[in-house]
Amino acid sequence: MRFVMAAALTAALLSVVTLSAGETSAKKPLGTWTRTKDDSTITFRFTNDTLHYASSDAGGGKLVVDADYAMSKDGKVLFGRVRTIKEGQGPDVGDLFSFGCTVKGDTLTITDFKGTGATALAASFIQGDYKKGEAKKK
């Protein structure tokens, strides 16, 4: 009898551990999000493990960056690290950043942007509402 109870308890504990390990993290804002500010188009494209950022040339120069990112467990904060700079100047490889992010319908809202190095200067430019989908060509 003891053996049966021990086996049942072990099986129950293993199923709980397996369920906990299988929990998914907060939902990521996958897809492409764009906005226009001061005649510049800003685009974020989120894949499962990479954030692609691009801003069009509007006096400040074009910038294209790839970053590693993750979401906080509550899904309210995105944090990342600049991995590559494909075009332009500004941040350095390894710069860290974070921002609040919420998705409602087809709108992504970015708030509370913080960063290290040159990324720290981008808050007023990056914060705001983005629409889902590719930017329309002019």
N, C-alpha and C. Protein backbone atom coordinates (compact mmCIF):
# COMPACT_ATOMS: atom_id res chain seq x y z
N MET A 1 0.81 -1.18 0.00
CA MET A 1 0.00 0.00 0.00
C MET A 1 0.86 1.27 0.00
N ARG A 2 1.93 1.24 0.82
CA ARG A 2 2.83 2.37 0.86
C ARG A 2 3.45 2.62 -0.50
N PHE A 3 3.82 1.56 -1.17
CA PHE A 3 4.44 1.67 -2.47
C PHE A 3 3.49 2.33 -3.48
N VAL A 4 2.22 1.95 -3.45
CA VAL A 4 1.22 2.51 -4.37
C VAL A 4 1.01 3.99 -4.09
N MET A 5 0.94 4.36 -2.80
CA MET A 5 0.76 5.77 -2.45
C MET A 5 1.99 6.59 -2.84
N ALA A 6 3.18 6.04 -2.61
CA ALA A 6 4.40 6.75 -2.98
C ALA A 6 4.48 6.94 -4.49
N ALA A 7 4.11 5.91 -5.24
CA ALA A 7 4.12 6.01 -6.70
C ALA A 7 3.11 7.05 -7.18
N ALA A 8 1.93 7.08 -6.59
CA ALA A 8 0.89 8.04 -6.97
C ALA A 8 1.34 9.47 -6.65
N LEU A 9 1.95 9.66 -5.47
CA LEU A 9 2.44 10.97 -5.08
C LEU A 9 3.56 11.43 -6.01
N THR A 10 4.47 10.54 -6.33
CA THR A 10 5.56 10.87 -7.25
C THR A 10 5.01 11.27 -8.62
N ALA A 11 4.05 10.50 -9.12
CA ALA A 11 3.45 10.83 -10.42
C ALA A 11 2.76 12.19 -10.39
N ALA A 12 2.07 12.49 -9.29
CA ALA A 12 1.39 13.78 -9.17
C ALA A 12 2.40 14.93 -9.14
N LEU A 13 3.48 14.76 -8.38
CA LEU A 13 4.50 15.80 -8.31
C LEU A 13 5.19 16.00 -9.66
N LEU A 14 5.47 14.93 -10.36
CA LEU A 14 6.10 15.05 -11.68
C LEU A 14 5.20 15.77 -12.66
N SER A 15 3.90 15.53 -12.60
CA SER A 15 3.00 16.23 -13.52
C SER A 15 2.94 17.72 -13.20
N VAL A 16 2.99 18.09 -11.93
CA VAL A 16 3.00 19.51 -11.56
C VAL A 16 4.28 20.17 -12.04
N VAL A 17 5.43 19.52 -11.84
CA VAL A 17 6.71 20.06 -12.29
C VAL A 17 6.71 20.20 -13.80
N THR A 18 6.19 19.20 -14.50
CA THR A 18 6.15 19.24 -15.96
C THR A 18 5.26 20.39 -16.43
N LEU A 19 4.11 20.60 -15.80
CA LEU A 19 3.24 21.70 -16.18
C LEU A 19 3.90 23.04 -15.93
N SER A 20 4.57 23.17 -14.80
CA SER A 20 5.25 24.42 -14.49
C SER A 20 6.36 24.71 -15.48
N ALA A 21 7.12 23.70 -15.83
CA ALA A 21 8.22 23.88 -16.78
C ALA A 21 7.69 24.19 -18.16
N GLY A 22 6.49 23.73 -18.48
CA GLY A 22 5.93 23.95 -19.80
C GLY A 22 5.18 25.25 -19.94
N GLU A 23 5.07 26.04 -18.87
CA GLU A 23 4.36 27.30 -18.95
C GLU A 23 5.05 28.21 -19.96
N THR A 24 4.28 28.91 -20.74
CA THR A 24 4.87 29.82 -21.70
C THR A 24 5.04 31.18 -21.04
N SER A 25 6.01 31.92 -21.52
CA SER A 25 6.21 33.26 -20.99
C SER A 25 5.13 34.18 -21.54
N ALA A 26 5.17 35.43 -21.14
CA ALA A 26 4.17 36.39 -21.56
C ALA A 26 4.12 36.48 -23.08
N LYS A 27 2.97 36.82 -23.60
CA LYS A 27 2.78 36.90 -25.04
C LYS A 27 3.60 38.05 -25.61
N LYS A 28 4.37 37.74 -26.64
CA LYS A 28 5.20 38.73 -27.30
C LYS A 28 4.40 39.45 -28.37
N PRO A 29 4.74 40.70 -28.65
CA PRO A 29 4.01 41.46 -29.67
C PRO A 29 4.49 41.12 -31.08
N LEU A 30 4.39 39.86 -31.46
CA LEU A 30 4.92 39.39 -32.74
C LEU A 30 4.30 40.14 -33.91
N GLY A 31 5.11 40.33 -34.94
CA GLY A 31 4.65 41.02 -36.14
C GLY A 31 5.37 42.34 -36.33
N THR A 32 4.86 43.12 -37.27
CA THR A 32 5.46 44.40 -37.62
C THR A 32 4.57 45.53 -37.14
N TRP A 33 5.18 46.53 -36.52
CA TRP A 33 4.47 47.68 -35.95
C TRP A 33 5.16 48.95 -36.44
N THR A 34 4.40 49.93 -36.91
CA THR A 34 5.00 51.15 -37.45
C THR A 34 4.31 52.40 -36.92
N ARG A 35 5.05 53.51 -36.99
CA ARG A 35 4.49 54.82 -36.70
C ARG A 35 5.31 55.87 -37.40
N THR A 36 4.71 57.00 -37.63
CA THR A 36 5.42 58.13 -38.25
C THR A 36 5.48 59.25 -37.23
N LYS A 37 6.68 59.81 -37.08
CA LYS A 37 6.88 60.94 -36.17
C LYS A 37 7.91 61.86 -36.80
N ASP A 38 7.58 63.12 -36.89
CA ASP A 38 8.50 64.12 -37.45
C ASP A 38 9.04 63.70 -38.81
N ASP A 39 8.19 63.28 -39.70
CA ASP A 39 8.56 62.86 -41.07
C ASP A 39 9.48 61.66 -41.11
N SER A 40 9.55 60.90 -40.05
CA SER A 40 10.36 59.69 -40.02
C SER A 40 9.46 58.51 -39.70
N THR A 41 9.66 57.40 -40.38
CA THR A 41 8.90 56.19 -40.09
C THR A 41 9.74 55.28 -39.22
N ILE A 42 9.15 54.82 -38.13
CA ILE A 42 9.82 53.92 -37.19
C ILE A 42 9.11 52.58 -37.29
N THR A 43 9.89 51.52 -37.44
CA THR A 43 9.32 50.18 -37.58
C THR A 43 9.98 49.23 -36.60
N PHE A 44 9.15 48.51 -35.87
CA PHE A 44 9.60 47.40 -35.03
C PHE A 44 9.04 46.13 -35.66
N ARG A 45 9.90 45.13 -35.87
CA ARG A 45 9.42 43.82 -36.31
C ARG A 45 9.90 42.81 -35.28
N PHE A 46 8.92 42.17 -34.62
CA PHE A 46 9.21 41.20 -33.57
C PHE A 46 9.06 39.79 -34.11
N THR A 47 10.10 38.98 -33.98
CA THR A 47 10.01 37.55 -34.22
C THR A 47 10.10 36.89 -32.85
N ASN A 48 10.13 35.57 -32.79
CA ASN A 48 10.18 34.92 -31.48
C ASN A 48 11.39 35.30 -30.65
N ASP A 49 12.53 35.54 -31.30
CA ASP A 49 13.74 35.81 -30.52
C ASP A 49 14.50 37.07 -30.93
N THR A 50 14.01 37.79 -31.93
CA THR A 50 14.73 38.97 -32.39
C THR A 50 13.79 40.15 -32.57
N LEU A 51 14.27 41.31 -32.18
CA LEU A 51 13.57 42.56 -32.43
C LEU A 51 14.36 43.29 -33.51
N HIS A 52 13.73 43.59 -34.63
CA HIS A 52 14.34 44.37 -35.71
C HIS A 52 13.78 45.78 -35.61
N TYR A 53 14.66 46.77 -35.55
CA TYR A 53 14.25 48.17 -35.46
C TYR A 53 14.80 48.91 -36.67
N ALA A 54 13.97 49.72 -37.30
CA ALA A 54 14.43 50.55 -38.41
C ALA A 54 13.75 51.90 -38.33
N SER A 55 14.53 52.96 -38.57
CA SER A 55 13.95 54.30 -38.69
C SER A 55 14.42 54.85 -40.03
N SER A 56 13.50 55.53 -40.71
CA SER A 56 13.84 56.09 -42.02
C SER A 56 14.65 57.37 -41.84
N ASP A 57 15.31 57.75 -42.89
CA ASP A 57 16.14 58.96 -42.89
C ASP A 57 15.25 60.19 -42.85
N ALA A 58 15.33 60.94 -41.79
CA ALA A 58 14.56 62.17 -41.66
C ALA A 58 15.42 63.22 -40.99
N GLY A 59 16.58 63.46 -41.53
CA GLY A 59 17.48 64.45 -40.95
C GLY A 59 18.42 63.87 -39.92
N GLY A 60 17.99 62.87 -39.19
CA GLY A 60 18.82 62.27 -38.17
C GLY A 60 19.57 61.05 -38.68
N GLY A 61 19.37 60.67 -39.93
CA GLY A 61 20.03 59.50 -40.48
C GLY A 61 19.21 58.25 -40.30
N LYS A 62 19.46 57.28 -41.14
CA LYS A 62 18.74 56.01 -41.07
C LYS A 62 19.43 55.11 -40.04
N LEU A 63 18.63 54.32 -39.33
CA LEU A 63 19.17 53.40 -38.34
C LEU A 63 18.45 52.07 -38.46
N VAL A 64 19.23 50.99 -38.58
CA VAL A 64 18.68 49.65 -38.62
C VAL A 64 19.46 48.81 -37.62
N VAL A 65 18.73 48.22 -36.66
CA VAL A 65 19.35 47.50 -35.54
C VAL A 65 18.61 46.18 -35.31
N ASP A 66 19.34 45.14 -34.95
CA ASP A 66 18.76 43.89 -34.46
C ASP A 66 19.11 43.75 -32.99
N ALA A 67 18.16 43.25 -32.22
CA ALA A 67 18.38 43.09 -30.78
C ALA A 67 17.79 41.78 -30.30
N ASP A 68 18.40 41.22 -29.27
CA ASP A 68 17.81 40.10 -28.54
C ASP A 68 16.81 40.72 -27.58
N TYR A 69 15.69 40.03 -27.32
CA TYR A 69 14.73 40.58 -26.37
C TYR A 69 13.97 39.48 -25.66
N ALA A 70 13.34 39.88 -24.56
CA ALA A 70 12.46 38.98 -23.80
C ALA A 70 11.40 39.84 -23.13
N MET A 71 10.33 39.19 -22.70
CA MET A 71 9.25 39.88 -22.00
C MET A 71 9.27 39.50 -20.53
N SER A 72 8.87 40.43 -19.68
CA SER A 72 8.69 40.09 -18.27
C SER A 72 7.53 39.11 -18.16
N LYS A 73 7.49 38.36 -17.07
CA LYS A 73 6.44 37.35 -16.91
C LYS A 73 5.04 37.94 -16.92
N ASP A 74 4.90 39.17 -16.45
CA ASP A 74 3.57 39.78 -16.46
C ASP A 74 3.21 40.38 -17.82
N GLY A 75 4.15 40.34 -18.77
CA GLY A 75 3.89 40.82 -20.13
C GLY A 75 3.84 42.32 -20.28
N LYS A 76 4.30 43.06 -19.28
CA LYS A 76 4.20 44.51 -19.33
C LYS A 76 5.50 45.21 -19.69
N VAL A 77 6.63 44.50 -19.60
CA VAL A 77 7.92 45.12 -19.87
C VAL A 77 8.72 44.25 -20.84
N LEU A 78 9.27 44.91 -21.85
CA LEU A 78 10.16 44.25 -22.79
C LEU A 78 11.57 44.74 -22.48
N PHE A 79 12.53 43.84 -22.47
CA PHE A 79 13.91 44.26 -22.24
C PHE A 79 14.80 43.56 -23.26
N GLY A 80 15.89 44.25 -23.64
CA GLY A 80 16.74 43.67 -24.67
C GLY A 80 18.15 44.21 -24.68
N ARG A 81 18.89 43.69 -25.68
CA ARG A 81 20.31 44.04 -25.86
C ARG A 81 20.57 44.20 -27.34
N VAL A 82 21.20 45.30 -27.73
CA VAL A 82 21.54 45.53 -29.13
C VAL A 82 22.55 44.47 -29.55
N ARG A 83 22.19 43.71 -30.57
CA ARG A 83 23.05 42.63 -31.06
C ARG A 83 23.87 43.07 -32.26
N THR A 84 23.25 43.70 -33.24
CA THR A 84 23.98 44.15 -34.43
C THR A 84 23.42 45.50 -34.88
N ILE A 85 24.29 46.30 -35.45
CA ILE A 85 23.89 47.56 -36.07
C ILE A 85 24.13 47.37 -37.55
N LYS A 86 23.05 47.28 -38.31
CA LYS A 86 23.16 47.00 -39.74
C LYS A 86 23.39 48.27 -40.56
N GLU A 87 22.88 49.39 -40.07
CA GLU A 87 23.04 50.65 -40.79
C GLU A 87 22.86 51.80 -39.82
N GLY A 88 23.65 52.84 -40.00
CA GLY A 88 23.51 54.04 -39.19
C GLY A 88 24.40 54.07 -37.97
N GLN A 89 24.24 55.14 -37.20
CA GLN A 89 25.02 55.34 -35.99
C GLN A 89 24.10 55.68 -34.84
N GLY A 90 24.56 55.48 -33.65
CA GLY A 90 23.78 55.77 -32.45
C GLY A 90 24.14 54.80 -31.36
N PRO A 91 23.36 53.73 -31.24
CA PRO A 91 23.65 52.78 -30.16
C PRO A 91 24.91 51.97 -30.47
N ASP A 92 25.44 51.35 -29.45
CA ASP A 92 26.58 50.44 -29.60
C ASP A 92 26.10 49.02 -29.38
N VAL A 93 26.79 48.08 -29.99
CA VAL A 93 26.51 46.67 -29.74
C VAL A 93 26.66 46.44 -28.24
N GLY A 94 25.70 45.78 -27.64
CA GLY A 94 25.72 45.51 -26.21
C GLY A 94 24.92 46.49 -25.37
N ASP A 95 24.51 47.63 -25.95
CA ASP A 95 23.67 48.56 -25.19
C ASP A 95 22.39 47.84 -24.76
N LEU A 96 21.93 48.15 -23.56
CA LEU A 96 20.73 47.54 -23.00
C LEU A 96 19.57 48.53 -23.07
N PHE A 97 18.35 48.00 -23.15
CA PHE A 97 17.18 48.86 -23.17
C PHE A 97 15.99 48.11 -22.58
N SER A 98 14.98 48.87 -22.18
CA SER A 98 13.72 48.28 -21.74
C SER A 98 12.63 49.30 -21.99
N PHE A 99 11.41 48.81 -22.13
CA PHE A 99 10.27 49.71 -22.24
C PHE A 99 8.99 48.98 -21.89
N GLY A 100 8.02 49.76 -21.42
CA GLY A 100 6.69 49.22 -21.18
C GLY A 100 6.01 49.03 -22.52
N CYS A 101 5.23 47.96 -22.63
CA CYS A 101 4.58 47.71 -23.91
C CYS A 101 3.26 47.03 -23.68
N THR A 102 2.22 47.59 -24.34
CA THR A 102 0.89 47.00 -24.28
C THR A 102 0.32 46.92 -25.68
N VAL A 103 -0.45 45.87 -25.93
CA VAL A 103 -1.11 45.70 -27.21
C VAL A 103 -2.61 45.69 -26.98
N LYS A 104 -3.30 46.55 -27.70
CA LYS A 104 -4.77 46.57 -27.68
C LYS A 104 -5.22 46.63 -29.13
N GLY A 105 -5.82 45.54 -29.59
CA GLY A 105 -6.25 45.48 -30.99
C GLY A 105 -5.06 45.56 -31.91
N ASP A 106 -5.06 46.54 -32.82
CA ASP A 106 -3.95 46.69 -33.76
C ASP A 106 -3.01 47.82 -33.36
N THR A 107 -2.99 48.16 -32.05
CA THR A 107 -2.12 49.23 -31.56
C THR A 107 -1.16 48.71 -30.49
N LEU A 108 0.12 48.98 -30.70
CA LEU A 108 1.17 48.70 -29.72
C LEU A 108 1.57 50.03 -29.12
N THR A 109 1.51 50.15 -27.80
CA THR A 109 1.92 51.38 -27.12
C THR A 109 3.21 51.13 -26.37
N ILE A 110 4.21 51.96 -26.65
CA ILE A 110 5.51 51.88 -25.99
C ILE A 110 5.64 53.06 -25.04
N THR A 111 5.96 52.76 -23.77
CA THR A 111 6.13 53.78 -22.73
C THR A 111 7.38 53.49 -21.93
N ASP A 112 7.79 54.44 -21.12
CA ASP A 112 8.87 54.26 -20.13
C ASP A 112 10.14 53.69 -20.74
N PHE A 113 10.55 54.18 -21.90
CA PHE A 113 11.77 53.68 -22.55
C PHE A 113 12.99 54.08 -21.72
N LYS A 114 13.86 53.11 -21.47
CA LYS A 114 15.12 53.34 -20.74
C LYS A 114 16.22 52.60 -21.48
N GLY A 115 17.44 53.12 -21.42
CA GLY A 115 18.54 52.44 -22.08
C GLY A 115 19.88 52.89 -21.56
N THR A 116 20.90 52.15 -21.98
CA THR A 116 22.28 52.50 -21.64
C THR A 116 22.93 53.10 -22.89
N GLY A 117 24.02 53.82 -22.68
CA GLY A 117 24.73 54.41 -23.81
C GLY A 117 23.83 55.33 -24.61
N ALA A 118 24.00 55.32 -25.93
CA ALA A 118 23.23 56.19 -26.81
C ALA A 118 21.75 55.82 -26.86
N THR A 119 21.40 54.59 -26.49
CA THR A 119 19.98 54.20 -26.52
C THR A 119 19.18 55.02 -25.51
N ALA A 120 19.82 55.53 -24.48
CA ALA A 120 19.13 56.31 -23.46
C ALA A 120 18.53 57.59 -24.04
N LEU A 121 19.08 58.08 -25.15
CA LEU A 121 18.62 59.32 -25.76
C LEU A 121 17.38 59.13 -26.64
N ALA A 122 16.97 57.90 -26.87
CA ALA A 122 15.92 57.61 -27.84
C ALA A 122 14.51 57.64 -27.28
N ALA A 123 14.34 57.87 -26.00
CA ALA A 123 13.02 57.73 -25.37
C ALA A 123 11.93 58.55 -26.05
N SER A 124 12.15 59.84 -26.24
CA SER A 124 11.09 60.68 -26.79
C SER A 124 10.78 60.32 -28.24
N PHE A 125 11.74 59.78 -28.93
CA PHE A 125 11.55 59.40 -30.33
C PHE A 125 10.78 58.08 -30.46
N ILE A 126 11.05 57.14 -29.57
CA ILE A 126 10.49 55.78 -29.68
C ILE A 126 9.14 55.64 -29.00
N GLN A 127 8.92 56.33 -27.89
CA GLN A 127 7.67 56.16 -27.15
C GLN A 127 6.47 56.64 -27.97
N GLY A 128 5.37 55.87 -27.87
CA GLY A 128 4.16 56.27 -28.57
C GLY A 128 3.37 55.08 -29.06
N ASP A 129 2.40 55.34 -29.92
CA ASP A 129 1.52 54.30 -30.46
C ASP A 129 1.97 53.87 -31.85
N TYR A 130 1.98 52.57 -32.07
CA TYR A 130 2.36 51.96 -33.34
C TYR A 130 1.19 51.15 -33.86
N LYS A 131 1.01 51.17 -35.17
CA LYS A 131 -0.05 50.39 -35.80
C LYS A 131 0.52 49.09 -36.37
N LYS A 132 -0.27 48.04 -36.31
CA LYS A 132 0.17 46.74 -36.81
C LYS A 132 0.21 46.77 -38.34
N GLY A 133 1.26 46.19 -38.90
CA GLY A 133 1.39 46.09 -40.35
C GLY A 133 2.57 46.89 -40.87
N GLU A 134 2.93 46.62 -42.11
CA GLU A 134 4.05 47.32 -42.76
C GLU A 134 3.72 48.78 -43.00
N ALA A 135 4.76 49.60 -43.01
CA ALA A 135 4.58 51.01 -43.34
C ALA A 135 4.23 51.13 -44.82
N LYS A 136 3.37 52.08 -45.13
CA LYS A 136 2.99 52.30 -46.52
C LYS A 136 4.06 53.13 -47.20
N LYS A 137 4.45 52.70 -48.39
CA LYS A 137 5.46 53.43 -49.16
C LYS A 137 4.83 54.71 -49.71
N LYS A 138 5.62 55.80 -49.70
CA LYS A 138 5.15 57.08 -50.22
C LYS A 138 5.47 57.21 -51.68
